[in-house]
N, C-alpha and C. Protein backbone atom coordinates (compact mmCIF):
# COMPACT_ATOMS: atom_id res chain seq x y z
N MET A 1 133.34 130.20 166.57
CA MET A 1 134.24 130.59 167.45
C MET A 1 135.75 131.03 166.82
N SER A 2 136.33 131.97 167.47
CA SER A 2 137.50 132.49 166.63
C SER A 2 138.60 132.13 167.90
N ILE A 3 139.62 131.43 167.18
CA ILE A 3 140.67 131.12 168.62
C ILE A 3 141.87 131.23 167.70
N LYS A 4 142.44 132.14 168.58
CA LYS A 4 143.99 132.34 167.69
C LYS A 4 144.93 131.86 168.77
N ILE A 5 145.61 130.65 168.39
CA ILE A 5 146.77 130.38 169.58
C ILE A 5 148.29 131.02 169.43
N VAL A 6 148.23 131.41 170.50
CA VAL A 6 149.80 131.91 170.43
C VAL A 6 150.89 131.34 170.82
N THR A 7 150.71 130.39 171.67
CA THR A 7 151.69 129.24 172.10
C THR A 7 151.19 128.19 172.68
N GLU A 8 152.30 126.80 172.22
CA GLU A 8 152.02 125.50 172.76
C GLU A 8 153.05 124.99 173.44
N ASN A 9 152.67 124.23 174.42
CA ASN A 9 154.07 123.77 175.42
C ASN A 9 153.65 122.38 175.10
N ARG A 10 154.18 121.87 173.72
CA ARG A 10 154.56 120.67 173.54
C ARG A 10 155.48 119.54 174.72
N LYS A 11 156.43 119.85 175.22
CA LYS A 11 157.21 119.47 175.87
C LYS A 11 156.66 118.96 176.98
N ALA A 12 155.32 119.88 177.82
CA ALA A 12 154.24 119.14 178.49
C ALA A 12 153.75 117.58 178.22
N ARG A 13 152.97 118.03 177.04
CA ARG A 13 152.14 116.46 176.56
C ARG A 13 153.64 115.61 176.83
N PHE A 14 154.59 115.51 176.03
CA PHE A 14 156.11 114.60 176.17
C PHE A 14 156.22 114.10 177.32
N ASP A 15 156.48 115.27 178.64
CA ASP A 15 156.97 115.14 180.08
C ASP A 15 155.97 114.38 180.70
N TYR A 16 154.57 114.92 180.98
CA TYR A 16 153.34 114.56 181.51
C TYR A 16 152.58 113.64 180.80
N THR A 17 151.48 113.04 181.76
CA THR A 17 150.22 111.95 181.63
C THR A 17 149.21 113.20 182.04
N ILE A 18 148.43 113.24 181.34
CA ILE A 18 147.47 114.29 181.05
C ILE A 18 146.27 113.78 181.30
N ILE A 19 145.63 114.46 182.72
CA ILE A 19 144.61 113.81 183.46
C ILE A 19 143.33 114.33 182.87
N GLU A 20 143.52 115.99 183.27
CA GLU A 20 141.97 116.42 182.72
C GLU A 20 142.67 117.54 182.44
N LYS A 21 141.82 118.58 181.82
CA LYS A 21 141.98 119.85 181.04
C LYS A 21 141.20 120.80 181.41
N PHE A 22 141.58 122.11 181.59
CA PHE A 22 140.69 123.00 182.05
C PHE A 22 140.93 124.51 181.12
N GLU A 23 140.07 125.57 180.84
CA GLU A 23 140.04 126.55 180.47
C GLU A 23 140.36 127.83 181.66
N ALA A 24 141.22 128.86 181.54
CA ALA A 24 141.34 129.62 182.61
C ALA A 24 141.68 130.92 182.23
N GLY A 25 141.07 132.39 182.78
CA GLY A 25 141.08 133.50 182.34
C GLY A 25 142.76 133.79 182.88
N MET A 26 143.29 135.08 182.40
CA MET A 26 144.20 135.33 182.61
C MET A 26 144.29 137.08 183.64
N ALA A 27 144.91 137.50 184.40
CA ALA A 27 144.46 139.15 184.99
C ALA A 27 146.18 139.78 184.01
N LEU A 28 146.17 140.30 182.93
CA LEU A 28 147.14 140.84 182.43
C LEU A 28 147.24 141.88 182.68
N MET A 29 148.27 142.83 182.03
CA MET A 29 148.52 144.11 181.87
C MET A 29 148.66 144.55 180.52
N GLY A 30 148.32 145.59 180.19
CA GLY A 30 148.39 146.21 178.54
C GLY A 30 149.40 145.71 177.95
N SER A 31 150.63 145.85 178.40
CA SER A 31 151.94 145.63 177.32
C SER A 31 151.94 144.23 177.45
N GLU A 32 151.34 143.24 178.35
CA GLU A 32 151.77 141.93 178.45
C GLU A 32 150.65 141.06 177.07
N VAL A 33 149.18 141.92 176.84
CA VAL A 33 148.21 141.87 176.00
C VAL A 33 149.16 142.00 174.42
N LYS A 34 149.45 142.75 174.51
CA LYS A 34 150.33 143.16 173.47
C LYS A 34 151.50 142.36 172.97
N SER A 35 152.13 142.37 173.58
CA SER A 35 153.10 141.26 173.32
C SER A 35 152.80 139.82 172.66
N MET A 36 151.97 139.57 173.55
CA MET A 36 151.18 138.21 173.63
C MET A 36 150.68 138.22 171.91
N ARG A 37 150.08 139.42 171.74
CA ARG A 37 149.38 139.47 170.28
C ARG A 37 150.44 139.29 169.49
N GLU A 38 151.88 139.72 169.45
CA GLU A 38 152.93 139.34 168.41
C GLU A 38 153.09 138.49 168.81
N GLY A 39 153.30 137.24 169.98
CA GLY A 39 153.88 135.85 169.80
C GLY A 39 154.73 135.59 170.58
N HIS A 40 155.47 136.79 171.23
CA HIS A 40 156.76 136.54 172.40
C HIS A 40 156.05 136.11 173.71
N VAL A 41 156.01 134.81 173.58
CA VAL A 41 155.58 133.84 175.12
C VAL A 41 156.07 132.47 174.93
N GLN A 42 156.29 132.45 176.28
CA GLN A 42 157.47 130.88 175.99
C GLN A 42 156.55 130.45 177.37
N LEU A 43 156.52 129.02 177.22
CA LEU A 43 155.91 128.55 178.36
C LEU A 43 156.62 127.56 178.79
N LYS A 44 157.71 127.21 178.59
CA LYS A 44 158.96 126.14 178.96
C LYS A 44 159.33 126.23 180.42
N ASP A 45 158.93 125.16 181.16
CA ASP A 45 159.41 125.28 182.92
C ASP A 45 158.23 126.11 183.15
N SER A 46 157.19 126.35 182.95
CA SER A 46 156.03 127.18 183.38
C SER A 46 154.95 125.88 184.32
N TYR A 47 154.53 126.54 185.48
CA TYR A 47 153.61 125.82 186.08
C TYR A 47 152.85 126.66 187.01
N VAL A 48 151.48 125.94 187.71
CA VAL A 48 150.65 126.34 188.56
C VAL A 48 150.96 126.62 189.78
N VAL A 49 151.18 127.53 190.82
CA VAL A 49 151.18 127.24 192.18
C VAL A 49 149.72 128.00 193.02
N PHE A 50 149.66 127.77 193.90
CA PHE A 50 148.33 128.09 195.08
C PHE A 50 149.27 129.18 195.68
N THR A 51 148.37 130.32 196.01
CA THR A 51 148.47 131.11 197.16
C THR A 51 147.46 131.69 197.43
N ARG A 52 147.05 131.46 199.03
CA ARG A 52 146.01 131.57 199.38
C ARG A 52 144.63 131.43 198.67
N GLY A 53 144.54 130.34 198.10
CA GLY A 53 143.17 129.89 197.41
C GLY A 53 143.02 130.52 196.32
N GLU A 54 144.44 131.31 195.58
CA GLU A 54 143.99 131.70 193.88
C GLU A 54 145.10 131.24 193.48
N MET A 55 145.03 130.77 192.07
CA MET A 55 146.02 130.23 191.36
C MET A 55 146.59 131.57 190.62
N TYR A 56 147.95 130.65 190.52
CA TYR A 56 148.74 131.91 189.69
C TYR A 56 149.92 131.04 188.85
N LEU A 57 149.92 131.27 187.55
CA LEU A 57 150.99 130.78 186.66
C LEU A 57 152.20 131.54 186.63
N GLN A 58 153.35 130.65 187.05
CA GLN A 58 154.84 131.01 187.74
C GLN A 58 155.55 130.60 186.21
N ASN A 59 156.15 131.33 186.12
CA ASN A 59 157.98 131.17 185.40
C ASN A 59 157.21 130.99 183.90
N ALA A 60 156.21 131.52 183.55
CA ALA A 60 155.70 131.89 181.95
C ALA A 60 156.65 133.41 181.69
N HIS A 61 156.97 133.11 180.82
CA HIS A 61 157.81 134.44 180.04
C HIS A 61 157.12 135.22 178.78
N ILE A 62 156.62 136.18 179.21
CA ILE A 62 156.07 137.14 177.99
C ILE A 62 157.03 138.14 178.34
N SER A 63 157.58 138.50 177.31
CA SER A 63 158.63 139.54 176.27
C SER A 63 158.25 140.58 176.79
N GLU A 64 158.96 141.81 177.09
CA GLU A 64 158.35 142.99 177.60
C GLU A 64 157.83 143.80 175.92
N TYR A 65 157.43 144.33 175.73
CA TYR A 65 156.68 145.37 174.76
C TYR A 65 157.35 146.38 174.53
N LYS A 66 158.31 146.44 173.71
CA LYS A 66 159.05 147.19 173.33
C LYS A 66 158.47 149.23 173.20
N PRO A 67 157.52 148.90 172.11
CA PRO A 67 156.81 150.64 172.32
C PRO A 67 156.14 150.90 173.71
N SER A 68 155.73 150.21 174.88
CA SER A 68 155.80 150.39 175.82
C SER A 68 156.49 151.16 176.87
N SER A 69 157.78 151.27 176.70
CA SER A 69 159.01 152.00 177.07
C SER A 69 158.64 152.11 178.66
N TYR A 70 158.25 152.71 179.72
CA TYR A 70 158.61 152.81 181.02
C TYR A 70 157.21 152.06 181.59
N ASN A 71 156.06 151.98 180.99
CA ASN A 71 155.10 151.30 181.43
C ASN A 71 155.43 149.67 181.41
N ASN A 72 156.29 149.34 181.32
CA ASN A 72 156.64 147.76 180.59
C ASN A 72 156.35 146.87 182.24
N HIS A 73 155.99 145.58 181.93
CA HIS A 73 155.66 144.44 183.00
C HIS A 73 156.95 144.04 183.25
N ALA A 74 157.55 142.83 184.52
CA ALA A 74 158.45 142.22 184.44
C ALA A 74 158.01 140.94 183.76
N PRO A 75 158.75 140.47 182.80
CA PRO A 75 158.49 139.13 181.99
C PRO A 75 158.01 138.21 182.61
N GLU A 76 158.84 137.54 183.96
CA GLU A 76 158.74 136.65 184.55
C GLU A 76 157.80 136.56 185.86
N ARG A 77 156.71 137.79 185.59
CA ARG A 77 155.99 137.52 186.99
C ARG A 77 154.88 137.10 187.15
N LYS A 78 154.67 136.78 188.42
CA LYS A 78 153.13 135.61 188.26
C LYS A 78 152.12 136.41 188.06
N ARG A 79 151.31 135.48 187.37
CA ARG A 79 150.11 136.23 186.59
C ARG A 79 148.82 135.16 187.59
N LYS A 80 147.63 135.98 187.83
CA LYS A 80 146.83 135.57 188.31
C LYS A 80 145.99 134.54 187.21
N LEU A 81 145.51 133.56 187.37
CA LEU A 81 144.62 132.58 186.59
C LEU A 81 142.91 132.97 187.42
N LEU A 82 142.42 133.19 186.52
CA LEU A 82 140.85 133.24 186.93
C LEU A 82 139.80 132.00 186.64
N MET A 83 139.26 131.56 187.33
CA MET A 83 138.48 130.41 187.41
C MET A 83 137.70 130.35 188.46
N LYS A 84 136.37 129.14 188.67
CA LYS A 84 135.47 129.33 189.38
C LYS A 84 135.92 128.46 190.61
N ARG A 85 135.68 129.24 191.76
CA ARG A 85 135.96 128.92 192.83
C ARG A 85 135.81 127.35 193.38
N HIS A 86 134.91 126.63 192.46
CA HIS A 86 134.67 125.35 192.98
C HIS A 86 136.03 124.41 192.40
N GLU A 87 136.45 124.89 190.93
CA GLU A 87 137.09 124.53 190.08
C GLU A 87 138.76 124.84 190.65
N ILE A 88 138.74 125.94 191.00
CA ILE A 88 140.08 126.11 192.18
C ILE A 88 140.00 125.27 193.00
N ASP A 89 139.38 124.84 194.15
CA ASP A 89 139.23 123.95 195.17
C ASP A 89 139.51 122.57 194.81
N LYS A 90 138.99 122.16 193.56
CA LYS A 90 139.39 120.93 193.30
C LYS A 90 140.59 120.45 192.42
N LEU A 91 141.28 121.75 191.80
CA LEU A 91 142.30 121.35 191.54
C LEU A 91 143.53 121.60 192.66
N GLU A 92 143.14 122.62 193.57
CA GLU A 92 144.00 122.49 194.70
C GLU A 92 144.35 121.07 195.79
N ALA A 93 143.13 120.62 195.72
CA ALA A 93 142.89 119.04 196.32
C ALA A 93 143.30 118.26 195.91
N ALA A 94 143.60 118.18 194.34
CA ALA A 94 144.21 117.09 193.66
C ALA A 94 145.74 117.45 193.65
N VAL A 95 146.08 118.73 193.73
CA VAL A 95 147.35 118.85 193.56
C VAL A 95 148.21 118.72 195.44
N VAL A 96 147.33 118.74 196.00
CA VAL A 96 147.97 118.66 197.88
C VAL A 96 147.63 117.15 198.02
N GLU A 97 146.39 116.66 197.89
CA GLU A 97 146.42 114.96 198.06
C GLU A 97 147.15 114.39 197.54
N LYS A 98 146.68 114.17 196.33
CA LYS A 98 147.55 112.79 195.23
C LYS A 98 148.63 113.23 194.59
N GLY A 99 149.38 114.57 194.93
CA GLY A 99 150.59 115.05 194.43
C GLY A 99 150.67 115.15 192.85
N LEU A 100 150.07 115.69 192.41
CA LEU A 100 149.66 115.94 191.07
C LEU A 100 150.37 117.16 190.84
N THR A 101 150.31 117.76 189.50
CA THR A 101 150.62 118.87 189.07
C THR A 101 150.21 119.57 187.94
N ILE A 102 150.10 120.93 187.98
CA ILE A 102 149.32 121.66 186.99
C ILE A 102 150.38 122.61 186.04
N VAL A 103 149.95 122.36 184.97
CA VAL A 103 150.99 123.01 184.14
C VAL A 103 150.00 123.39 182.52
N PRO A 104 150.49 124.67 182.13
CA PRO A 104 149.88 125.03 180.69
C PRO A 104 150.31 124.14 179.98
N LEU A 105 149.34 124.22 178.84
CA LEU A 105 149.24 123.74 177.69
C LEU A 105 149.61 124.49 176.34
N LYS A 106 148.74 125.60 176.59
CA LYS A 106 148.36 126.65 175.64
C LYS A 106 148.21 127.84 176.04
N ILE A 107 148.45 129.10 175.49
CA ILE A 107 148.09 130.24 175.38
C ILE A 107 147.24 130.62 174.05
N TYR A 108 146.06 131.14 174.28
CA TYR A 108 145.40 131.61 172.87
C TYR A 108 144.01 132.47 173.23
N PHE A 109 143.77 133.08 172.20
CA PHE A 109 142.98 134.36 172.71
C PHE A 109 141.77 133.89 171.87
N SER A 110 140.71 133.74 172.94
CA SER A 110 138.99 133.39 172.48
C SER A 110 138.01 134.36 172.45
N LYS A 111 137.95 134.98 171.43
CA LYS A 111 137.25 136.22 171.01
C LYS A 111 137.55 137.32 171.70
N GLY A 112 139.09 137.20 171.33
CA GLY A 112 139.71 138.68 171.87
C GLY A 112 140.27 138.50 172.80
N ILE A 113 139.81 137.90 174.21
CA ILE A 113 140.35 138.00 175.29
C ILE A 113 141.60 136.17 175.62
N ALA A 114 142.26 136.69 176.47
CA ALA A 114 143.44 135.68 176.59
C ALA A 114 143.21 134.69 177.48
N LYS A 115 143.33 133.72 177.07
CA LYS A 115 143.28 132.16 178.12
C LYS A 115 144.16 131.73 177.89
N VAL A 116 144.02 130.64 178.96
CA VAL A 116 145.16 129.40 178.79
C VAL A 116 144.51 128.18 179.13
N GLU A 117 145.30 127.48 178.62
CA GLU A 117 144.36 125.75 178.75
C GLU A 117 145.46 125.35 179.79
N ILE A 118 145.03 124.89 181.07
CA ILE A 118 146.21 124.12 181.93
C ILE A 118 145.17 122.65 181.93
N ALA A 119 146.28 121.80 182.48
CA ALA A 119 145.93 120.61 182.86
C ALA A 119 146.64 119.70 184.34
N LEU A 120 145.50 119.16 184.50
CA LEU A 120 146.30 118.25 185.89
C LEU A 120 146.90 117.38 185.17
N VAL A 121 148.40 116.92 185.56
CA VAL A 121 149.04 116.11 185.22
C VAL A 121 149.83 115.32 186.07
N LYS A 122 150.20 114.22 185.87
CA LYS A 122 151.11 113.12 186.74
C LYS A 122 152.26 112.96 185.70
N GLY A 123 153.65 113.35 186.21
CA GLY A 123 154.78 113.09 185.35
C GLY A 123 154.94 111.41 184.98
N LYS A 124 155.84 111.53 183.99
CA LYS A 124 156.04 110.09 183.66
C LYS A 124 157.34 109.62 183.70
N LYS A 125 157.77 108.36 183.67
CA LYS A 125 158.73 107.78 184.27
C LYS A 125 159.42 107.53 183.18
N VAL A 126 160.88 107.16 183.37
CA VAL A 126 161.45 107.27 181.66
C VAL A 126 160.83 106.25 181.01
N HIS A 127 160.58 104.90 180.93
CA HIS A 127 160.13 103.92 180.36
C HIS A 127 158.40 104.19 179.81
N ASP A 128 157.84 105.39 180.46
CA ASP A 128 156.56 105.69 179.50
C ASP A 128 157.30 106.71 178.51
N LYS A 129 158.56 107.52 178.40
CA LYS A 129 158.79 108.81 177.34
C LYS A 129 159.39 107.61 176.33
N ARG A 130 160.03 106.66 176.96
CA ARG A 130 160.28 105.67 175.33
C ARG A 130 159.41 104.81 174.63
N ASP A 131 158.17 104.49 175.60
CA ASP A 131 156.87 104.29 174.78
C ASP A 131 156.26 105.49 174.07
N SER A 132 156.02 106.55 174.62
CA SER A 132 155.42 107.73 173.44
C SER A 132 156.50 107.91 172.46
N ILE A 133 158.01 107.47 172.56
CA ILE A 133 158.50 108.03 170.96
C ILE A 133 158.31 106.57 170.25
N LYS A 134 158.33 105.51 170.50
CA LYS A 134 158.21 104.44 170.25
C LYS A 134 156.89 104.37 169.30
N ASP A 135 155.77 105.01 169.65
CA ASP A 135 154.61 105.04 168.97
C ASP A 135 154.41 106.41 168.33
N ARG A 136 155.17 107.26 168.75
CA ARG A 136 155.21 108.32 167.39
C ARG A 136 156.25 107.96 166.24
N ASP A 137 157.09 107.22 166.53
CA ASP A 137 157.71 106.80 165.50
C ASP A 137 156.93 106.02 164.60
N VAL A 138 156.30 104.79 165.22
CA VAL A 138 155.10 104.04 164.37
C VAL A 138 154.67 104.44 163.53
N LYS A 139 153.18 105.74 164.14
CA LYS A 139 152.63 106.51 163.53
C LYS A 139 153.34 107.28 162.53
N ARG A 140 154.63 107.36 162.57
CA ARG A 140 155.50 108.33 161.40
C ARG A 140 155.24 107.43 160.23
N GLU A 141 156.10 106.20 160.47
CA GLU A 141 156.42 105.08 159.36
C GLU A 141 154.87 104.69 158.89
N LEU A 142 153.75 104.44 159.48
CA LEU A 142 152.65 103.93 158.80
C LEU A 142 152.35 105.24 157.87
N SER A 143 152.25 106.61 158.38
CA SER A 143 151.91 107.70 157.32
C SER A 143 152.95 107.50 156.44
N ARG A 144 153.98 107.49 156.39
CA ARG A 144 154.72 107.70 155.34
C ARG A 144 154.45 106.27 154.31
N ALA A 145 154.41 105.19 154.72
CA ALA A 145 153.93 103.87 153.55
C ALA A 145 152.31 104.07 153.07
N SER A 146 151.59 104.83 153.92
CA SER A 146 150.34 105.14 153.14
C SER A 146 150.72 106.06 151.90
N ARG A 147 151.10 106.96 152.31
CA ARG A 147 151.83 107.93 151.20
C ARG A 147 152.34 107.46 149.94
N ARG A 148 152.77 106.59 149.74
CA ARG A 148 153.55 106.12 148.76
C ARG A 148 152.86 104.81 147.90
C-alpha cells in the first residue's frame, strides 16, 4: 500500500489526548489536489465541524496553485469530509454529548487518493502537557545514553 504523507499536525498530539482515530476522504477541487501534491498544506488550528449531518474540515490552509490562475480555490474554505453515515453519526454524538473535539492529524495520499486522518480528542490540561514534556525528555536522554 503506497502512502505519501503530505503534512502532519504534530501540535495536535501535544495539545490533545487522542481517544480514537478515523480515516476520511476529502472532496477537493483540482487545484487543491495539485497544491497538496507539492506539499503546500497547513493543518495548524484546523478542526472538524458538523453542518446538517455532514462533516467539514475548517481552517485547513491549502495554498493556491499558481499555474491554475483564475480557476483557483479559496485557501481556507470548508472542505467536505467523506465517511460512512454510521461513523459520522458516532462522531457527532461524541462531540455533542461528551464535549470532545475532532482534529486532523495528517493528510496523505493513499493509492493516489487524498485522505485525512482525523481523531476524536480531549483537550489536555497544563499539568498533562508538562508530563508529556518530561516523558519526551526522559526518552531522549535514554536514547542518547544507549548510543554512547
